[in-house]
All heavy atoms as atom14 arrays in JSON, in Angstrom:
{
  "sequence": "TISRDNAKNTVYLQMNSLKPEDTAVYYCAAVPSPSGSVAYIRRTEYHY",
  "atom14_mask": [
    [1, 1, 1, 1, 1, 1, 1, 0, 0, 0, 0, 0, 0, 0],
    [1, 1, 1, 1, 1, 1, 1, 1, 0, 0, 0, 0, 0, 0],
    [1, 1, 1, 1, 1, 1, 0, 0, 0, 0, 0, 0, 0, 0],
    [1, 1, 1, 1, 1, 1, 1, 1, 1, 1, 1, 0, 0, 0],
    [1, 1, 1, 1, 1, 1, 1, 1, 0, 0, 0, 0, 0, 0],
    [1, 1, 1, 1, 1, 1, 1, 1, 0, 0, 0, 0, 0, 0],
    [1, 1, 1, 1, 1, 0, 0, 0, 0, 0, 0, 0, 0, 0],
    [1, 1, 1, 1, 1, 1, 1, 1, 1, 0, 0, 0, 0, 0],
    [1, 1, 1, 1, 1, 1, 1, 1, 0, 0, 0, 0, 0, 0],
    [1, 1, 1, 1, 1, 1, 1, 0, 0, 0, 0, 0, 0, 0],
    [1, 1, 1, 1, 1, 1, 1, 0, 0, 0, 0, 0, 0, 0],
    [1, 1, 1, 1, 1, 1, 1, 1, 1, 1, 1, 1, 0, 0],
    [1, 1, 1, 1, 1, 1, 1, 1, 0, 0, 0, 0, 0, 0],
    [1, 1, 1, 1, 1, 1, 1, 1, 1, 0, 0, 0, 0, 0],
    [1, 1, 1, 1, 1, 1, 1, 1, 0, 0, 0, 0, 0, 0],
    [1, 1, 1, 1, 1, 1, 1, 1, 0, 0, 0, 0, 0, 0],
    [1, 1, 1, 1, 1, 1, 0, 0, 0, 0, 0, 0, 0, 0],
    [1, 1, 1, 1, 1, 1, 1, 1, 0, 0, 0, 0, 0, 0],
    [1, 1, 1, 1, 1, 1, 1, 1, 1, 0, 0, 0, 0, 0],
    [1, 1, 1, 1, 1, 1, 1, 0, 0, 0, 0, 0, 0, 0],
    [1, 1, 1, 1, 1, 1, 1, 1, 1, 0, 0, 0, 0, 0],
    [1, 1, 1, 1, 1, 1, 1, 1, 0, 0, 0, 0, 0, 0],
    [1, 1, 1, 1, 1, 1, 1, 0, 0, 0, 0, 0, 0, 0],
    [1, 1, 1, 1, 1, 0, 0, 0, 0, 0, 0, 0, 0, 0],
    [1, 1, 1, 1, 1, 1, 1, 0, 0, 0, 0, 0, 0, 0],
    [1, 1, 1, 1, 1, 1, 1, 1, 1, 1, 1, 1, 0, 0],
    [1, 1, 1, 1, 1, 1, 1, 1, 1, 1, 1, 1, 0, 0],
    [1, 1, 1, 1, 1, 1, 0, 0, 0, 0, 0, 0, 0, 0],
    [1, 1, 1, 1, 1, 0, 0, 0, 0, 0, 0, 0, 0, 0],
    [1, 1, 1, 1, 1, 0, 0, 0, 0, 0, 0, 0, 0, 0],
    [1, 1, 1, 1, 1, 1, 1, 0, 0, 0, 0, 0, 0, 0],
    [1, 1, 1, 1, 1, 1, 1, 0, 0, 0, 0, 0, 0, 0],
    [1, 1, 1, 1, 1, 1, 0, 0, 0, 0, 0, 0, 0, 0],
    [1, 1, 1, 1, 1, 1, 1, 0, 0, 0, 0, 0, 0, 0],
    [1, 1, 1, 1, 1, 1, 0, 0, 0, 0, 0, 0, 0, 0],
    [1, 1, 1, 1, 0, 0, 0, 0, 0, 0, 0, 0, 0, 0],
    [1, 1, 1, 1, 1, 1, 0, 0, 0, 0, 0, 0, 0, 0],
    [1, 1, 1, 1, 1, 1, 1, 0, 0, 0, 0, 0, 0, 0],
    [1, 1, 1, 1, 1, 0, 0, 0, 0, 0, 0, 0, 0, 0],
    [1, 1, 1, 1, 1, 1, 1, 1, 1, 1, 1, 1, 0, 0],
    [1, 1, 1, 1, 1, 1, 1, 1, 0, 0, 0, 0, 0, 0],
    [1, 1, 1, 1, 1, 1, 1, 1, 1, 1, 1, 0, 0, 0],
    [1, 1, 1, 1, 1, 1, 1, 1, 1, 1, 1, 0, 0, 0],
    [1, 1, 1, 1, 1, 1, 1, 0, 0, 0, 0, 0, 0, 0],
    [1, 1, 1, 1, 1, 1, 1, 1, 1, 0, 0, 0, 0, 0],
    [1, 1, 1, 1, 1, 1, 1, 1, 1, 1, 1, 1, 0, 0],
    [1, 1, 1, 1, 1, 1, 1, 1, 1, 1, 0, 0, 0, 0],
    [1, 1, 1, 1, 1, 1, 1, 1, 1, 1, 1, 1, 0, 0]
  ],
  "atom14_positions": [
    [[97.27, 97.79, 105.11], [98.56, 97.09, 104.64], [98.24, 95.67, 104.48], [97.75, 94.97, 105.4], [99.62, 97.18, 105.81], [99.75, 98.63, 106.09], [100.84, 96.56, 105.34], [0.0, 0.0, 0.0], [0.0, 0.0, 0.0], [0.0, 0.0, 0.0], [0.0, 0.0, 0.0], [0.0, 0.0, 0.0], [0.0, 0.0, 0.0], [0.0, 0.0, 0.0]],
    [[98.7, 95.13, 103.32], [98.6, 93.73, 102.97], [99.92, 93.11, 103.29], [101.0, 93.59, 103.03], [98.12, 93.44, 101.59], [97.81, 91.96, 101.27], [99.08, 94.02, 100.58], [97.12, 91.72, 99.93], [0.0, 0.0, 0.0], [0.0, 0.0, 0.0], [0.0, 0.0, 0.0], [0.0, 0.0, 0.0], [0.0, 0.0, 0.0], [0.0, 0.0, 0.0]],
    [[99.87, 91.8, 103.79], [101.12, 91.07, 104.08], [100.78, 89.6, 103.99], [99.68, 89.28, 103.96], [101.73, 91.43, 105.5], [100.83, 91.06, 106.49], [0.0, 0.0, 0.0], [0.0, 0.0, 0.0], [0.0, 0.0, 0.0], [0.0, 0.0, 0.0], [0.0, 0.0, 0.0], [0.0, 0.0, 0.0], [0.0, 0.0, 0.0], [0.0, 0.0, 0.0]],
    [[101.83, 88.86, 103.87], [101.62, 87.35, 103.92], [102.63, 86.67, 104.61], [103.73, 87.18, 104.76], [101.57, 86.88, 102.42], [102.85, 87.12, 101.68], [102.65, 86.75, 100.18], [102.24, 85.33, 99.98], [101.71, 84.92, 98.87], [101.46, 85.71, 97.91], [101.35, 83.6, 98.77], [0.0, 0.0, 0.0], [0.0, 0.0, 0.0], [0.0, 0.0, 0.0]],
    [[102.34, 85.5, 105.2], [103.25, 84.59, 105.87], [103.17, 83.33, 105.12], [102.27, 82.54, 105.39], [102.97, 84.5, 107.35], [103.89, 83.65, 108.14], [104.68, 82.88, 107.59], [103.94, 83.85, 109.33], [0.0, 0.0, 0.0], [0.0, 0.0, 0.0], [0.0, 0.0, 0.0], [0.0, 0.0, 0.0], [0.0, 0.0, 0.0], [0.0, 0.0, 0.0]],
    [[104.1, 82.96, 104.26], [104.05, 81.84, 103.42], [104.25, 80.5, 104.41], [103.78, 79.41, 104.01], [105.04, 81.85, 102.46], [104.62, 82.73, 101.18], [103.52, 83.15, 101.2], [105.59, 83.06, 100.39], [0.0, 0.0, 0.0], [0.0, 0.0, 0.0], [0.0, 0.0, 0.0], [0.0, 0.0, 0.0], [0.0, 0.0, 0.0], [0.0, 0.0, 0.0]],
    [[104.95, 80.55, 105.46], [105.16, 79.45, 106.34], [103.74, 79.07, 106.95], [103.54, 77.96, 107.36], [106.18, 79.82, 107.37], [0.0, 0.0, 0.0], [0.0, 0.0, 0.0], [0.0, 0.0, 0.0], [0.0, 0.0, 0.0], [0.0, 0.0, 0.0], [0.0, 0.0, 0.0], [0.0, 0.0, 0.0], [0.0, 0.0, 0.0], [0.0, 0.0, 0.0]],
    [[102.82, 80.03, 107.19], [101.55, 79.77, 107.8], [100.38, 79.75, 106.77], [99.23, 79.62, 107.14], [101.21, 80.91, 108.8], [102.21, 80.91, 109.97], [101.87, 81.95, 111.0], [102.74, 81.94, 112.19], [102.41, 82.97, 113.17], [0.0, 0.0, 0.0], [0.0, 0.0, 0.0], [0.0, 0.0, 0.0], [0.0, 0.0, 0.0], [0.0, 0.0, 0.0]],
    [[100.74, 79.82, 105.51], [99.74, 79.75, 104.42], [98.57, 80.84, 104.66], [97.43, 80.59, 104.51], [99.1, 78.38, 104.27], [100.04, 77.37, 103.8], [101.16, 77.67, 103.34], [99.47, 76.14, 103.63], [0.0, 0.0, 0.0], [0.0, 0.0, 0.0], [0.0, 0.0, 0.0], [0.0, 0.0, 0.0], [0.0, 0.0, 0.0], [0.0, 0.0, 0.0]],
    [[99.07, 82.07, 105.0], [98.01, 83.1, 105.51], [98.43, 84.4, 104.85], [99.65, 84.76, 104.84], [98.0, 83.13, 107.05], [97.63, 81.85, 107.51], [96.92, 84.19, 107.46], [0.0, 0.0, 0.0], [0.0, 0.0, 0.0], [0.0, 0.0, 0.0], [0.0, 0.0, 0.0], [0.0, 0.0, 0.0], [0.0, 0.0, 0.0], [0.0, 0.0, 0.0]],
    [[97.39, 85.13, 104.43], [97.45, 86.52, 104.05], [96.75, 87.44, 104.89], [95.66, 87.01, 105.41], [97.14, 86.74, 102.54], [95.65, 86.37, 102.28], [97.44, 88.06, 102.03], [0.0, 0.0, 0.0], [0.0, 0.0, 0.0], [0.0, 0.0, 0.0], [0.0, 0.0, 0.0], [0.0, 0.0, 0.0], [0.0, 0.0, 0.0], [0.0, 0.0, 0.0]],
    [[97.2, 88.59, 105.21], [96.61, 89.49, 106.17], [96.25, 90.83, 105.58], [96.85, 91.19, 104.6], [97.49, 89.74, 107.34], [98.01, 88.5, 108.1], [99.26, 87.98, 107.78], [97.27, 87.9, 109.02], [99.78, 86.89, 108.41], [97.73, 86.73, 109.68], [99.06, 86.23, 109.36], [99.37, 85.12, 110.02], [0.0, 0.0, 0.0], [0.0, 0.0, 0.0]],
    [[95.29, 91.47, 106.12], [94.95, 92.85, 105.78], [94.77, 93.63, 107.04], [93.77, 93.44, 107.73], [93.6, 92.9, 104.86], [93.4, 94.31, 104.43], [94.4, 94.78, 103.32], [91.93, 94.38, 103.75], [0.0, 0.0, 0.0], [0.0, 0.0, 0.0], [0.0, 0.0, 0.0], [0.0, 0.0, 0.0], [0.0, 0.0, 0.0], [0.0, 0.0, 0.0]],
    [[95.73, 94.45, 107.34], [95.6, 95.33, 108.44], [94.99, 96.63, 108.07], [95.43, 97.34, 107.17], [97.08, 95.66, 109.06], [97.12, 96.62, 110.19], [96.45, 96.04, 111.45], [96.78, 94.88, 111.89], [95.65, 96.85, 112.11], [0.0, 0.0, 0.0], [0.0, 0.0, 0.0], [0.0, 0.0, 0.0], [0.0, 0.0, 0.0], [0.0, 0.0, 0.0]],
    [[93.83, 96.94, 108.77], [93.11, 98.11, 108.36], [93.11, 99.06, 109.55], [92.62, 98.73, 110.61], [91.54, 97.67, 108.08], [91.56, 96.56, 107.01], [89.85, 96.16, 106.48], [89.27, 95.37, 107.98], [0.0, 0.0, 0.0], [0.0, 0.0, 0.0], [0.0, 0.0, 0.0], [0.0, 0.0, 0.0], [0.0, 0.0, 0.0], [0.0, 0.0, 0.0]],
    [[93.56, 100.27, 109.34], [93.72, 101.23, 110.33], [92.85, 102.36, 109.93], [92.45, 102.56, 108.75], [95.14, 101.74, 110.56], [95.97, 100.6, 111.03], [95.57, 99.7, 111.76], [97.22, 100.67, 110.67], [0.0, 0.0, 0.0], [0.0, 0.0, 0.0], [0.0, 0.0, 0.0], [0.0, 0.0, 0.0], [0.0, 0.0, 0.0], [0.0, 0.0, 0.0]],
    [[92.54, 103.25, 110.93], [91.77, 104.5, 110.64], [90.49, 104.16, 109.73], [90.25, 104.88, 108.77], [92.65, 105.53, 109.99], [93.77, 105.87, 110.72], [0.0, 0.0, 0.0], [0.0, 0.0, 0.0], [0.0, 0.0, 0.0], [0.0, 0.0, 0.0], [0.0, 0.0, 0.0], [0.0, 0.0, 0.0], [0.0, 0.0, 0.0], [0.0, 0.0, 0.0]],
    [[89.71, 103.26, 110.2], [88.52, 102.81, 109.47], [87.56, 103.85, 109.4], [87.26, 104.65, 110.27], [88.03, 101.53, 110.04], [88.83, 100.25, 109.67], [88.52, 99.1, 110.64], [88.49, 99.81, 108.24], [0.0, 0.0, 0.0], [0.0, 0.0, 0.0], [0.0, 0.0, 0.0], [0.0, 0.0, 0.0], [0.0, 0.0, 0.0], [0.0, 0.0, 0.0]],
    [[86.84, 103.89, 108.28], [85.85, 104.85, 107.89], [84.6, 104.18, 107.65], [84.52, 102.99, 107.11], [86.23, 105.74, 106.65], [87.6, 106.48, 106.85], [87.85, 107.1, 105.52], [89.23, 107.76, 105.6], [89.6, 108.59, 104.35], [0.0, 0.0, 0.0], [0.0, 0.0, 0.0], [0.0, 0.0, 0.0], [0.0, 0.0, 0.0], [0.0, 0.0, 0.0]],
    [[83.36, 104.85, 107.8], [82.07, 104.11, 107.55], [82.05, 103.63, 106.0], [81.47, 102.58, 105.78], [81.08, 105.3, 107.69], [81.7, 106.04, 108.8], [83.21, 106.13, 108.43], [0.0, 0.0, 0.0], [0.0, 0.0, 0.0], [0.0, 0.0, 0.0], [0.0, 0.0, 0.0], [0.0, 0.0, 0.0], [0.0, 0.0, 0.0], [0.0, 0.0, 0.0]],
    [[82.75, 104.36, 105.11], [82.7, 103.87, 103.64], [83.55, 102.67, 103.47], [83.53, 102.11, 102.38], [83.2, 105.04, 102.76], [84.42, 105.68, 103.17], [84.29, 106.92, 104.05], [83.4, 106.94, 104.85], [84.96, 107.97, 103.69], [0.0, 0.0, 0.0], [0.0, 0.0, 0.0], [0.0, 0.0, 0.0], [0.0, 0.0, 0.0], [0.0, 0.0, 0.0]],
    [[84.34, 102.21, 104.51], [84.92, 100.88, 104.39], [84.03, 99.77, 104.66], [84.44, 98.61, 104.5], [86.12, 100.83, 105.33], [87.18, 101.75, 104.96], [87.53, 102.02, 103.81], [87.76, 102.53, 105.93], [0.0, 0.0, 0.0], [0.0, 0.0, 0.0], [0.0, 0.0, 0.0], [0.0, 0.0, 0.0], [0.0, 0.0, 0.0], [0.0, 0.0, 0.0]],
    [[82.81, 100.01, 105.02], [81.87, 98.98, 105.35], [81.6, 98.09, 104.11], [81.16, 98.63, 103.02], [80.53, 99.5, 105.8], [80.78, 100.13, 107.13], [79.46, 98.44, 105.91], [0.0, 0.0, 0.0], [0.0, 0.0, 0.0], [0.0, 0.0, 0.0], [0.0, 0.0, 0.0], [0.0, 0.0, 0.0], [0.0, 0.0, 0.0], [0.0, 0.0, 0.0]],
    [[81.75, 96.76, 104.18], [81.61, 95.85, 103.11], [81.88, 94.47, 103.5], [82.29, 94.26, 104.64], [82.6, 96.21, 101.92], [0.0, 0.0, 0.0], [0.0, 0.0, 0.0], [0.0, 0.0, 0.0], [0.0, 0.0, 0.0], [0.0, 0.0, 0.0], [0.0, 0.0, 0.0], [0.0, 0.0, 0.0], [0.0, 0.0, 0.0], [0.0, 0.0, 0.0]],
    [[81.58, 93.55, 102.64], [81.99, 92.19, 102.8], [83.46, 92.12, 102.13], [83.56, 92.45, 100.95], [81.18, 91.06, 102.15], [81.7, 89.64, 102.25], [79.75, 91.18, 102.85], [0.0, 0.0, 0.0], [0.0, 0.0, 0.0], [0.0, 0.0, 0.0], [0.0, 0.0, 0.0], [0.0, 0.0, 0.0], [0.0, 0.0, 0.0], [0.0, 0.0, 0.0]],
    [[84.42, 91.62, 102.84], [85.77, 91.43, 102.34], [86.01, 90.05, 102.02], [85.77, 89.1, 102.74], [86.78, 91.96, 103.47], [86.81, 93.54, 103.54], [85.69, 94.23, 104.12], [87.93, 94.19, 103.04], [85.66, 95.54, 104.18], [87.93, 95.65, 103.16], [86.83, 96.28, 103.73], [86.78, 97.61, 103.83], [0.0, 0.0, 0.0], [0.0, 0.0, 0.0]],
    [[86.7, 89.91, 100.8], [87.05, 88.58, 100.21], [88.5, 88.5, 99.95], [89.14, 89.45, 99.56], [86.31, 88.4, 98.95], [84.73, 88.35, 99.05], [84.02, 89.63, 98.91], [84.03, 87.26, 99.23], [82.69, 89.6, 98.9], [82.67, 87.25, 99.26], [82.01, 88.49, 99.13], [80.61, 88.48, 99.19], [0.0, 0.0, 0.0], [0.0, 0.0, 0.0]],
    [[89.08, 87.31, 100.19], [90.38, 87.15, 99.77], [90.38, 86.28, 98.51], [89.39, 85.51, 98.38], [91.32, 86.5, 100.85], [91.1, 84.83, 101.32], [0.0, 0.0, 0.0], [0.0, 0.0, 0.0], [0.0, 0.0, 0.0], [0.0, 0.0, 0.0], [0.0, 0.0, 0.0], [0.0, 0.0, 0.0], [0.0, 0.0, 0.0], [0.0, 0.0, 0.0]],
    [[91.35, 86.34, 97.72], [91.4, 85.69, 96.44], [92.83, 85.34, 96.15], [93.76, 85.89, 96.6], [90.85, 86.54, 95.33], [0.0, 0.0, 0.0], [0.0, 0.0, 0.0], [0.0, 0.0, 0.0], [0.0, 0.0, 0.0], [0.0, 0.0, 0.0], [0.0, 0.0, 0.0], [0.0, 0.0, 0.0], [0.0, 0.0, 0.0], [0.0, 0.0, 0.0]],
    [[93.01, 84.18, 95.37], [94.26, 83.68, 95.02], [94.36, 83.34, 93.49], [93.31, 83.04, 92.78], [94.48, 82.27, 95.77], [0.0, 0.0, 0.0], [0.0, 0.0, 0.0], [0.0, 0.0, 0.0], [0.0, 0.0, 0.0], [0.0, 0.0, 0.0], [0.0, 0.0, 0.0], [0.0, 0.0, 0.0], [0.0, 0.0, 0.0], [0.0, 0.0, 0.0]],
    [[95.56, 83.55, 93.0], [95.75, 83.19, 91.64], [97.22, 82.54, 91.44], [98.21, 83.21, 92.05], [95.62, 84.42, 90.68], [96.49, 85.61, 91.13], [95.96, 84.08, 89.17], [0.0, 0.0, 0.0], [0.0, 0.0, 0.0], [0.0, 0.0, 0.0], [0.0, 0.0, 0.0], [0.0, 0.0, 0.0], [0.0, 0.0, 0.0], [0.0, 0.0, 0.0]],
    [[97.3, 81.41, 90.75], [98.69, 80.91, 90.53], [99.5, 81.96, 89.75], [98.98, 82.65, 88.84], [98.41, 79.73, 89.55], [96.96, 79.32, 89.79], [96.29, 80.62, 90.09], [0.0, 0.0, 0.0], [0.0, 0.0, 0.0], [0.0, 0.0, 0.0], [0.0, 0.0, 0.0], [0.0, 0.0, 0.0], [0.0, 0.0, 0.0], [0.0, 0.0, 0.0]],
    [[100.76, 82.07, 90.21], [101.54, 83.16, 89.67], [102.93, 82.67, 89.11], [103.77, 82.55, 89.86], [101.72, 84.21, 90.86], [102.54, 85.27, 90.29], [0.0, 0.0, 0.0], [0.0, 0.0, 0.0], [0.0, 0.0, 0.0], [0.0, 0.0, 0.0], [0.0, 0.0, 0.0], [0.0, 0.0, 0.0], [0.0, 0.0, 0.0], [0.0, 0.0, 0.0]],
    [[102.96, 82.45, 87.82], [104.25, 82.05, 87.22], [105.37, 83.12, 87.57], [106.49, 82.81, 87.63], [103.92, 81.9, 85.7], [102.45, 81.72, 85.63], [101.97, 82.54, 86.88], [0.0, 0.0, 0.0], [0.0, 0.0, 0.0], [0.0, 0.0, 0.0], [0.0, 0.0, 0.0], [0.0, 0.0, 0.0], [0.0, 0.0, 0.0], [0.0, 0.0, 0.0]],
    [[104.84, 84.31, 87.5], [105.9, 85.42, 87.73], [105.8, 85.84, 89.2], [104.79, 86.28, 89.7], [105.52, 86.65, 86.83], [106.25, 87.8, 87.36], [0.0, 0.0, 0.0], [0.0, 0.0, 0.0], [0.0, 0.0, 0.0], [0.0, 0.0, 0.0], [0.0, 0.0, 0.0], [0.0, 0.0, 0.0], [0.0, 0.0, 0.0], [0.0, 0.0, 0.0]],
    [[106.85, 85.75, 89.82], [106.89, 86.01, 91.3], [106.73, 87.5, 91.7], [106.35, 87.79, 92.85], [0.0, 0.0, 0.0], [0.0, 0.0, 0.0], [0.0, 0.0, 0.0], [0.0, 0.0, 0.0], [0.0, 0.0, 0.0], [0.0, 0.0, 0.0], [0.0, 0.0, 0.0], [0.0, 0.0, 0.0], [0.0, 0.0, 0.0], [0.0, 0.0, 0.0]],
    [[106.66, 88.39, 90.69], [106.7, 89.83, 91.08], [105.37, 90.51, 90.92], [105.31, 91.71, 91.16], [107.78, 90.48, 90.33], [107.59, 90.44, 88.95], [0.0, 0.0, 0.0], [0.0, 0.0, 0.0], [0.0, 0.0, 0.0], [0.0, 0.0, 0.0], [0.0, 0.0, 0.0], [0.0, 0.0, 0.0], [0.0, 0.0, 0.0], [0.0, 0.0, 0.0]],
    [[104.42, 89.94, 90.43], [103.2, 90.46, 90.03], [102.09, 90.54, 91.24], [101.88, 89.54, 91.79], [102.45, 89.88, 88.8], [101.17, 90.69, 88.4], [103.45, 89.87, 87.69], [0.0, 0.0, 0.0], [0.0, 0.0, 0.0], [0.0, 0.0, 0.0], [0.0, 0.0, 0.0], [0.0, 0.0, 0.0], [0.0, 0.0, 0.0], [0.0, 0.0, 0.0]],
    [[101.61, 91.68, 91.56], [100.49, 91.87, 92.49], [99.26, 92.18, 91.58], [99.04, 93.31, 91.2], [100.82, 92.93, 93.41], [0.0, 0.0, 0.0], [0.0, 0.0, 0.0], [0.0, 0.0, 0.0], [0.0, 0.0, 0.0], [0.0, 0.0, 0.0], [0.0, 0.0, 0.0], [0.0, 0.0, 0.0], [0.0, 0.0, 0.0], [0.0, 0.0, 0.0]],
    [[98.42, 91.21, 91.35], [97.31, 91.32, 90.4], [96.21, 92.15, 90.98], [95.83, 92.03, 92.14], [96.7, 89.91, 90.05], [97.76, 89.05, 89.37], [98.53, 88.23, 90.09], [97.82, 89.11, 88.04], [99.44, 87.44, 89.41], [98.79, 88.25, 87.27], [99.63, 87.39, 88.03], [100.48, 86.64, 87.45], [0.0, 0.0, 0.0], [0.0, 0.0, 0.0]],
    [[95.57, 93.15, 90.14], [94.57, 94.04, 90.71], [93.18, 93.81, 90.07], [92.3, 94.26, 90.56], [94.96, 95.5, 90.52], [95.17, 95.86, 89.05], [96.22, 95.76, 91.4], [95.42, 97.24, 88.85], [0.0, 0.0, 0.0], [0.0, 0.0, 0.0], [0.0, 0.0, 0.0], [0.0, 0.0, 0.0], [0.0, 0.0, 0.0], [0.0, 0.0, 0.0]],
    [[93.17, 92.96, 89.01], [91.85, 92.8, 88.36], [91.11, 91.63, 88.89], [91.7, 90.52, 88.95], [92.0, 92.66, 86.85], [92.27, 93.9, 86.11], [92.37, 93.85, 84.64], [93.53, 93.18, 84.14], [94.67, 93.78, 83.83], [94.7, 95.07, 83.97], [95.74, 93.11, 83.43], [0.0, 0.0, 0.0], [0.0, 0.0, 0.0], [0.0, 0.0, 0.0]],
    [[89.88, 91.75, 89.18], [89.08, 90.7, 89.79], [89.07, 89.44, 88.87], [89.18, 88.31, 89.34], [87.68, 91.09, 89.95], [86.68, 90.19, 90.56], [85.28, 90.73, 90.6], [84.8, 91.08, 89.27], [83.7, 91.76, 89.06], [82.97, 92.22, 90.09], [83.23, 92.03, 87.85], [0.0, 0.0, 0.0], [0.0, 0.0, 0.0], [0.0, 0.0, 0.0]],
    [[89.01, 89.69, 87.53], [88.89, 88.57, 86.7], [90.2, 87.81, 86.54], [90.15, 86.61, 85.99], [88.57, 89.03, 85.25], [89.55, 90.1, 84.86], [87.14, 89.61, 85.2], [0.0, 0.0, 0.0], [0.0, 0.0, 0.0], [0.0, 0.0, 0.0], [0.0, 0.0, 0.0], [0.0, 0.0, 0.0], [0.0, 0.0, 0.0], [0.0, 0.0, 0.0]],
    [[91.26, 88.2, 87.18], [92.5, 87.44, 87.08], [92.53, 86.37, 88.17], [93.38, 85.41, 88.08], [93.7, 88.39, 87.17], [93.86, 89.33, 85.99], [94.9, 90.4, 86.29], [94.93, 91.08, 87.25], [95.81, 90.45, 85.35], [0.0, 0.0, 0.0], [0.0, 0.0, 0.0], [0.0, 0.0, 0.0], [0.0, 0.0, 0.0], [0.0, 0.0, 0.0]],
    [[91.67, 86.47, 89.21], [91.79, 85.51, 90.37], [90.97, 84.32, 90.08], [89.89, 84.35, 89.56], [91.32, 86.25, 91.58], [92.36, 87.22, 92.09], [92.5, 88.51, 91.59], [93.35, 86.76, 93.03], [93.49, 89.35, 92.06], [94.38, 87.63, 93.43], [94.38, 88.92, 92.99], [95.42, 89.68, 93.4], [0.0, 0.0, 0.0], [0.0, 0.0, 0.0]],
    [[91.54, 83.26, 90.58], [90.86, 81.9, 90.25], [90.12, 81.37, 91.45], [89.08, 80.69, 91.26], [91.94, 80.77, 89.97], [92.63, 81.13, 88.61], [93.4, 80.18, 88.03], [92.8, 82.22, 87.81], [93.9, 80.53, 86.92], [93.57, 81.83, 86.81], [0.0, 0.0, 0.0], [0.0, 0.0, 0.0], [0.0, 0.0, 0.0], [0.0, 0.0, 0.0]],
    [[90.54, 81.69, 92.69], [89.87, 81.12, 93.92], [89.51, 82.26, 94.76], [90.24, 83.28, 95.0], [90.99, 80.18, 94.6], [91.42, 79.13, 93.64], [92.73, 79.21, 93.09], [90.62, 77.96, 93.32], [93.21, 78.23, 92.26], [91.1, 77.04, 92.43], [92.43, 77.14, 91.93], [92.9, 76.2, 91.07], [0.0, 0.0, 0.0], [0.0, 0.0, 0.0]]
  ]
}
């Protein structure tokens, strides 16, 4: 589950029922969003 707290400038990823195939380096990324409703899924869309 992904969530965010804009008052704390923080985004979270709650991971339950973890599996060995979830092993990886996890990165967060940000993109300026003129449209408030888009949850971007393409890596190339992210700036930071």
